[in-house]
Protein backbone atom coordinates (compact mmCIF):
# COMPACT_ATOMS: atom_id res chain seq x y z
CA MET A 1 -13.72 51.72 38.90
CA SER A 2 -16.91 50.35 37.32
CA TRP A 3 -16.41 46.57 38.08
CA THR A 4 -16.38 44.80 41.29
CA VAL A 5 -13.92 41.31 41.90
CA PRO A 6 -17.26 39.33 42.44
CA GLN A 7 -18.47 40.80 38.69
CA LEU A 8 -15.15 40.05 37.49
CA ALA A 9 -14.94 36.56 38.93
CA LYS A 10 -18.39 35.85 37.55
CA ALA A 11 -17.70 36.72 34.16
CA VAL A 12 -14.48 34.72 34.16
CA GLU A 13 -16.06 31.49 35.55
CA ALA A 14 -19.06 31.92 33.12
CA ALA A 15 -17.28 32.39 30.39
CA ALA A 16 -14.48 29.34 31.38
CA ALA A 17 -17.77 27.23 31.92
CA ASP A 18 -19.11 27.83 28.20
CA VAL A 19 -15.74 26.48 26.44
CA GLY A 20 -14.47 24.32 29.20
CA PHE A 21 -11.49 26.32 29.86
CA SER A 22 -8.34 24.72 31.19
CA GLY A 23 -5.79 27.15 32.46
CA VAL A 24 -5.33 29.74 34.76
CA VAL A 25 -6.44 33.24 34.95
CA ARG A 26 -5.25 36.10 37.18
CA VAL A 27 -5.77 39.92 37.42
CA ASP A 28 -3.62 42.37 39.62
CA ARG A 29 -4.34 46.16 40.24
CA ASP A 30 -1.88 48.66 41.60
CA GLY A 31 0.72 45.51 41.31
CA GLU A 32 -1.67 43.42 44.38
CA LEU A 33 -3.59 40.47 43.29
CA ASP A 34 -7.17 41.10 42.72
CA TYR A 35 -8.34 37.81 41.55
CA GLU A 36 -6.85 34.20 40.78
CA ALA A 37 -8.64 30.88 39.58
CA ALA A 38 -7.57 27.50 37.84
CA PHE A 39 -9.56 25.35 35.91
CA GLY A 40 -9.56 22.21 34.42
CA LEU A 41 -6.22 19.70 34.11
CA ALA A 42 -2.85 19.69 34.16
CA HIS A 43 -2.73 16.50 32.99
CA ARG A 44 -5.70 14.58 32.07
CA GLY A 45 -4.71 10.83 31.61
CA HIS A 46 -3.70 11.04 35.46
CA GLU A 47 -6.38 13.61 36.24
CA VAL A 48 -4.25 16.24 37.67
CA PRO A 49 -6.15 19.37 38.11
CA ASN A 50 -4.30 22.80 37.03
CA THR A 51 -3.28 24.98 40.41
CA VAL A 52 -2.98 28.51 40.67
CA ASP A 53 1.08 27.98 40.47
CA THR A 54 0.77 25.59 37.27
CA ARG A 55 3.50 26.61 34.57
CA PHE A 56 2.09 26.56 31.19
CA ALA A 57 3.90 26.79 27.85
CA VAL A 58 3.21 30.28 26.71
CA ALA A 59 4.08 29.64 22.69
CA SER A 60 4.63 33.16 21.35
CA GLY A 61 4.88 34.93 24.46
CA ALA A 62 8.39 34.00 24.74
CA LYS A 63 9.26 36.62 21.70
CA GLY A 64 9.19 39.52 24.42
CA PHE A 65 11.50 37.43 26.43
CA THR A 66 14.07 37.43 23.34
CA ALA A 67 13.51 40.97 22.63
CA LEU A 68 14.55 41.57 25.81
CA ALA A 69 17.59 39.92 25.99
CA VAL A 70 18.91 41.15 22.51
CA VAL A 71 18.26 44.57 24.14
CA ARG A 72 20.05 43.62 27.03
CA LEU A 73 23.47 42.80 25.11
CA ILE A 74 22.96 46.34 22.94
CA GLU A 75 22.77 47.93 26.37
CA GLN A 76 26.21 45.95 26.89
CA GLY A 77 27.83 46.73 23.66
CA ARG A 78 27.60 43.39 22.35
CA LEU A 79 25.36 44.16 19.55
CA ALA A 80 23.74 47.04 18.10
CA PRO A 81 20.59 47.80 16.63
CA ASP A 82 22.08 48.51 13.10
CA THR A 83 24.40 44.82 13.33
CA THR A 84 23.69 42.93 10.24
CA ALA A 85 22.32 39.14 10.61
CA ARG A 86 25.03 38.38 7.78
CA SER A 87 27.83 39.83 9.41
CA VAL A 88 26.89 36.88 12.20
CA LEU A 89 25.90 34.31 9.98
CA GLY A 90 28.75 34.19 7.68
CA THR A 91 27.36 31.71 5.06
CA ASP A 92 24.92 30.34 6.37
CA LEU A 93 21.14 31.08 5.36
CA PRO A 94 22.49 32.67 2.25
CA LEU A 95 18.72 33.85 1.44
CA ILE A 96 18.40 36.61 4.12
CA ALA A 97 19.32 39.57 2.56
CA ALA A 98 22.69 41.64 3.21
CA ASP A 99 20.74 44.52 4.92
CA VAL A 100 18.73 42.81 7.34
CA THR A 101 19.46 44.15 10.84
CA VAL A 102 18.68 43.33 14.23
CA GLU A 103 16.34 45.94 14.71
CA HIS A 104 14.39 45.07 11.60
CA LEU A 105 14.07 41.40 13.33
CA LEU A 106 13.27 42.92 16.60
CA ALA A 107 10.14 44.50 14.77
CA HIS A 108 9.10 41.96 12.12
CA ARG A 109 10.24 44.44 9.28
CA SER A 110 13.30 42.11 8.32
CA GLY A 111 10.98 40.60 5.02
CA ILE A 112 12.62 37.26 5.57
CA GLY A 113 10.88 34.18 4.84
CA ASP A 114 9.13 32.38 7.84
CA TYR A 115 9.78 28.54 8.41
CA LEU A 116 6.13 28.74 9.98
CA ASP A 117 4.18 31.00 7.93
CA GLU A 118 0.69 31.66 9.66
CA ASP A 119 -1.03 32.73 6.45
CA THR A 120 -0.53 29.42 4.87
CA LEU A 121 -2.16 27.38 7.73
CA ASP A 122 -5.60 26.33 8.29
CA ASP A 123 -4.56 24.36 11.54
CA ILE A 124 -1.76 25.24 14.01
CA ALA A 125 -1.56 21.66 14.98
CA ASP A 126 -1.21 20.73 11.26
CA TYR A 127 2.61 22.15 9.95
CA VAL A 128 5.06 19.38 9.57
CA LEU A 129 8.65 20.80 10.63
CA LYS A 130 11.70 19.62 8.14
CA VAL A 131 13.95 18.13 11.40
CA PRO A 132 12.44 15.90 13.47
CA VAL A 133 10.61 17.63 16.51
CA HIS A 134 13.07 15.28 19.11
CA ARG A 135 16.22 17.06 17.52
CA LEU A 136 15.14 20.72 17.95
CA ALA A 137 16.48 21.35 21.14
CA GLU A 138 19.02 24.04 20.69
CA THR A 139 19.21 27.17 18.37
CA GLU A 140 21.73 26.07 15.97
CA GLU A 141 19.28 23.00 15.09
CA PHE A 142 16.39 25.09 13.87
CA LEU A 143 19.05 26.02 10.70
CA ALA A 144 17.76 23.88 8.30
CA GLU A 145 14.19 24.77 9.22
CA LEU A 146 15.28 29.08 8.77
CA ASP A 147 17.16 27.88 5.31
CA GLY A 148 15.16 27.80 2.10
CA HIS A 149 12.63 30.74 2.49
CA PRO A 150 12.73 33.80 0.00
CA THR A 151 12.74 37.39 1.15
CA LYS A 152 9.02 38.55 1.23
CA PHE A 153 9.84 42.55 0.65
CA PRO A 154 12.92 44.75 1.19
CA ALA A 155 13.96 45.12 4.77
CA GLY A 156 12.32 47.91 6.56
CA THR A 157 9.63 48.61 4.05
CA GLY A 158 6.79 46.90 6.00
CA PHE A 159 5.76 44.42 8.27
CA ALA A 160 5.30 40.49 8.64
CA TYR A 161 5.16 38.80 11.57
CA CYS A 162 7.82 36.23 11.49
CA ASN A 163 9.05 33.57 13.65
CA SER A 164 12.02 32.90 11.49
CA GLY A 165 13.08 36.41 12.78
CA TYR A 166 13.06 35.78 16.05
CA VAL A 167 14.88 31.96 15.77
CA LEU A 168 17.60 34.35 14.18
CA LEU A 169 17.65 36.60 16.94
CA ALA A 170 18.47 33.65 19.17
CA LEU A 171 20.97 32.83 16.82
CA ILE A 172 22.62 35.72 16.82
CA ALA A 173 22.79 36.17 20.59
CA GLU A 174 24.58 32.75 21.03
CA ARG A 175 26.89 33.32 18.25
CA VAL A 176 27.69 37.05 19.51
CA THR A 177 28.56 35.92 22.95
CA GLY A 178 29.26 32.07 23.22
CA THR A 179 26.41 31.21 25.57
CA GLY A 180 23.60 29.35 24.63
CA TYR A 181 20.37 31.43 24.00
CA HIS A 182 18.29 29.57 27.26
CA GLN A 183 21.04 30.35 29.22
CA LEU A 184 21.33 34.36 28.00
CA VAL A 185 17.43 34.39 28.74
CA ASP A 186 17.61 33.01 32.31
CA GLU A 187 20.30 35.30 32.92
CA LEU A 188 19.59 38.31 31.10
CA VAL A 189 15.94 38.55 31.97
CA CYS A 190 14.38 36.06 34.07
CA ARG A 191 17.00 36.54 36.98
CA PRO A 192 16.87 40.52 36.93
CA ALA A 193 13.08 40.29 36.96
CA GLY A 194 13.15 37.73 39.55
CA LEU A 195 10.86 35.11 37.71
CA ALA A 196 11.67 31.89 39.82
CA ASP A 197 9.21 29.61 37.89
CA THR A 198 10.25 30.38 34.34
CA ALA A 199 12.39 28.75 32.06
CA PHE A 200 12.39 26.86 28.59
CA LEU A 201 11.33 23.32 29.35
CA ARG A 202 11.45 20.11 27.67
CA CYS A 203 7.78 19.05 26.56
CA ASP A 204 9.31 15.30 26.89
CA GLN A 205 10.38 16.12 30.30
CA LEU A 206 8.09 18.00 32.24
CA PRO A 207 8.50 18.53 35.96
CA ALA A 208 6.04 18.51 38.71
CA ARG A 209 3.29 21.49 38.59
CA THR A 210 3.60 22.03 35.00
CA ALA A 211 0.53 21.59 32.55
CA THR A 212 0.77 19.40 29.50
CA GLY A 213 -0.83 20.95 26.31
CA TYR A 214 -3.77 18.95 24.76
CA LEU A 215 -5.38 19.21 21.24
CA ILE A 216 -7.95 17.03 19.88
CA ARG A 217 -7.77 14.72 17.29
CA ASP A 218 -10.32 12.43 15.87
CA GLY A 219 -12.74 13.28 18.88
CA GLN A 220 -10.06 12.59 21.34
CA TRP A 221 -7.72 14.74 23.59
CA ARG A 222 -4.05 14.07 22.56
CA SER A 223 -1.01 15.66 24.11
CA ASN A 224 1.02 17.96 21.66
CA VAL A 225 4.63 16.36 22.12
CA LEU A 226 4.30 15.53 18.51
CA HIS A 227 3.68 18.65 17.37
CA LEU A 228 6.55 20.96 18.74
CA PRO A 229 10.21 21.35 18.87
CA VAL A 230 11.12 19.40 22.18
CA ARG A 231 12.03 22.81 23.55
CA GLY A 232 11.28 26.31 22.75
CA ASN A 233 13.63 28.73 21.00
CA GLY A 234 13.69 32.48 20.03
CA ASP A 235 10.10 32.54 18.78
CA GLY A 236 8.36 30.59 21.45
CA GLY A 237 7.90 27.73 24.12
CA ILE A 238 9.03 29.37 27.46
CA HIS A 239 6.77 28.05 30.34
CA THR A 240 5.80 30.41 33.17
CA THR A 241 3.07 31.01 35.86
CA ALA A 242 0.32 33.84 36.30
CA ALA A 243 2.06 35.10 39.04
CA ASP A 244 5.28 35.31 37.30
CA MET A 245 3.59 37.36 34.52
CA SER A 246 2.69 40.00 36.90
CA THR A 247 6.12 39.95 38.40
CA PHE A 248 7.41 40.21 34.59
CA TRP A 249 5.26 43.34 33.88
CA ARG A 250 6.46 45.46 37.17
CA ALA A 251 10.15 44.26 36.44
CA PHE A 252 10.04 45.47 32.75
CA LEU A 253 8.18 48.68 33.11
CA ALA A 254 10.33 49.38 36.17
CA GLY A 255 13.66 49.38 33.99
CA ARG A 256 14.97 46.27 36.21
CA ILE A 257 15.69 44.61 32.85
CA VAL A 258 16.64 47.12 30.42
CA GLY A 259 16.59 50.88 30.86
CA GLN A 260 13.84 53.46 30.73
CA ASP A 261 15.08 54.53 27.31
CA TRP A 262 14.60 51.23 26.17
CA VAL A 263 11.39 50.81 27.88
CA ALA A 264 10.24 53.39 25.83
CA GLU A 265 11.58 52.31 22.38
CA MET A 266 10.24 48.71 22.95
CA THR A 267 6.89 49.60 23.58
CA ARG A 268 6.57 52.25 20.67
CA PRO A 269 4.64 51.73 18.07
CA HIS A 270 6.97 50.84 14.64
CA SER A 271 4.31 49.57 12.75
CA SER A 272 0.59 49.64 12.58
CA VAL A 273 -0.88 45.96 11.75
CA PRO A 274 -4.87 46.73 11.12
CA THR A 275 -5.43 43.31 10.45
CA GLU A 276 -4.67 42.17 13.79
CA LYS A 277 -6.20 45.24 15.00
CA ALA A 278 -3.27 46.47 16.85
CA ARG A 279 0.32 47.95 16.93
CA TYR A 280 3.54 46.46 17.59
CA GLY A 281 6.70 47.70 18.92
CA LEU A 282 9.77 45.49 19.58
CA GLY A 283 8.97 42.32 21.01
CA PHE A 284 5.59 43.65 22.04
CA TRP A 285 1.96 43.78 20.60
CA LEU A 286 0.24 46.84 21.17
CA ASP A 287 -2.97 48.32 22.10
CA GLU A 288 -4.43 49.48 18.07
CA THR A 289 -5.52 52.87 19.98
CA GLY A 290 -4.98 52.32 23.78
CA PRO A 291 -2.10 52.36 26.02
CA GLN A 292 -2.27 48.72 26.71
CA VAL A 293 1.14 46.62 25.84
CA ARG A 294 0.85 42.57 25.64
CA LEU A 295 2.45 39.43 25.06
CA ALA A 296 0.02 36.47 23.37
CA GLY A 297 0.80 33.27 22.16
CA TYR A 298 -0.67 30.73 20.13
CA ASP A 299 0.08 26.70 18.98
CA ALA A 300 -0.68 23.36 19.29
CA GLY A 301 -2.19 22.64 23.00
CA VAL A 302 -0.87 26.08 23.95
CA SER A 303 -3.21 29.55 24.29
CA PHE A 304 -1.99 32.46 26.11
CA THR A 305 -2.49 36.29 26.36
CA SER A 306 -1.17 38.84 29.22
CA THR A 307 -1.79 42.53 28.91
CA HIS A 308 -0.34 45.55 31.12
CA ASP A 309 -2.70 48.83 30.88
CA PRO A 310 -0.31 51.32 32.27
CA SER A 311 -3.42 53.95 32.59
CA THR A 312 -5.02 51.98 35.27
CA ASP A 313 -2.08 49.53 36.50
CA LEU A 314 -4.41 46.65 35.64
CA THR A 315 -2.43 43.47 34.63
CA TRP A 316 -4.50 40.55 33.57
CA SER A 317 -3.24 36.79 32.61
CA VAL A 318 -5.02 33.95 30.86
CA LEU A 319 -2.78 31.11 30.51
CA GLY A 320 -4.25 27.76 29.01
CA ASN A 321 -3.02 24.25 27.85
CA THR A 322 -5.48 23.67 24.55
CA ASP A 323 -5.53 25.88 21.16
CA ASP A 324 -8.15 28.17 21.82
CA GLY A 325 -9.54 28.18 25.43
CA ALA A 326 -7.76 31.33 26.35
CA TRP A 327 -9.59 33.58 23.81
CA PRO A 328 -12.80 33.65 25.38
CA VAL A 329 -12.10 34.19 28.63
CA ALA A 330 -9.53 36.72 27.68
CA ARG A 331 -12.51 38.72 25.83
CA ALA A 332 -14.68 38.39 29.13
CA ILE A 333 -12.20 39.87 31.23
CA ARG A 334 -11.18 42.73 28.39
CA SER A 335 -15.00 43.69 28.09
CA LEU A 336 -15.23 44.42 32.15
CA LEU A 337 -11.59 46.11 32.64
CA VAL A 338 -11.64 48.10 29.74
CA ALA A 339 -13.90 50.70 28.69
CA GLY A 340 -14.56 51.36 24.82
CA PRO A 341 -14.26 48.89 21.73
CA GLY A 342 -11.13 47.07 21.60
CA ASP A 343 -9.17 44.03 19.59
CA ASP A 344 -9.85 40.51 19.67
CA PRO A 345 -7.27 38.76 21.95
CA GLY A 346 -8.14 35.48 19.72
CA GLU A 347 -6.92 37.18 16.38
CA LEU A 348 -3.32 37.77 17.19
CA PRO A 349 -0.56 36.01 15.42
CA LEU A 350 1.53 32.55 16.45
């Protein structure tokens, strides 16, 4: 290798100090821990420091978990890639076209309107939901948010990153199984992967060893509890640790969550996304030209990226409890670990 652990530590610590990073960094090689470090505070009011086993919300990093739960249901014969959303929705959400399928939703190629359209946002913390956030704890409660958004383009004809599509996948999974989405993710993804510290937690009831998300408003740090659904859903909001993310990649790529044929299908490019300098599979971002597979998330008080490079068997994760702190640290890691030009983790969608 062309880098050393001391070089990595120096690069991470310099980037973290430069931006006042609050969070955890972990790098694994060949399935073994190479480097981990914690920075900043999990709770600012009580001055509780982050530790390497602190749990963080990962925003859209949860889309990979949703995709895996849905694909597992496909393997079980309870769904199919060509199952239409309409066949499950009945008369709900009438603006969703009749030909939108599960596969379209997984690949962000459904064309449905998005309740959280990032193209219209200047500041991620400024969007306002129709439903009070403290009532958004279960999937069915998102129906009012998903309703009333016109189709952008015919299904299958283009790519548009869509948060609504992944909440809709959670809703479809619930309705065909009769089991709640959060329980499905636990049973179909977290338990098979051995993720002991990964779960959808209520942000108004965070347990010990869990970071509160923070954003700056009027020159002061404030928690993100008023900015996000009280409990995450299909499009984002699961909590996890850096160690669990390393475990996740090993389990996923070894076929312990879904079979190897589906691992290959989910990590195969289904769309090129030049505006993000990336490609997209099913639930996972892919490097624009290289072999790296990535989950990423960005929201009020949350910044997260976790990448696995199968060509070098390297995994690196950066979990932060502020809006933007993870990106400079992730860039510093990538510039050291990956030869040649690469994409900017800070430019990924929500």
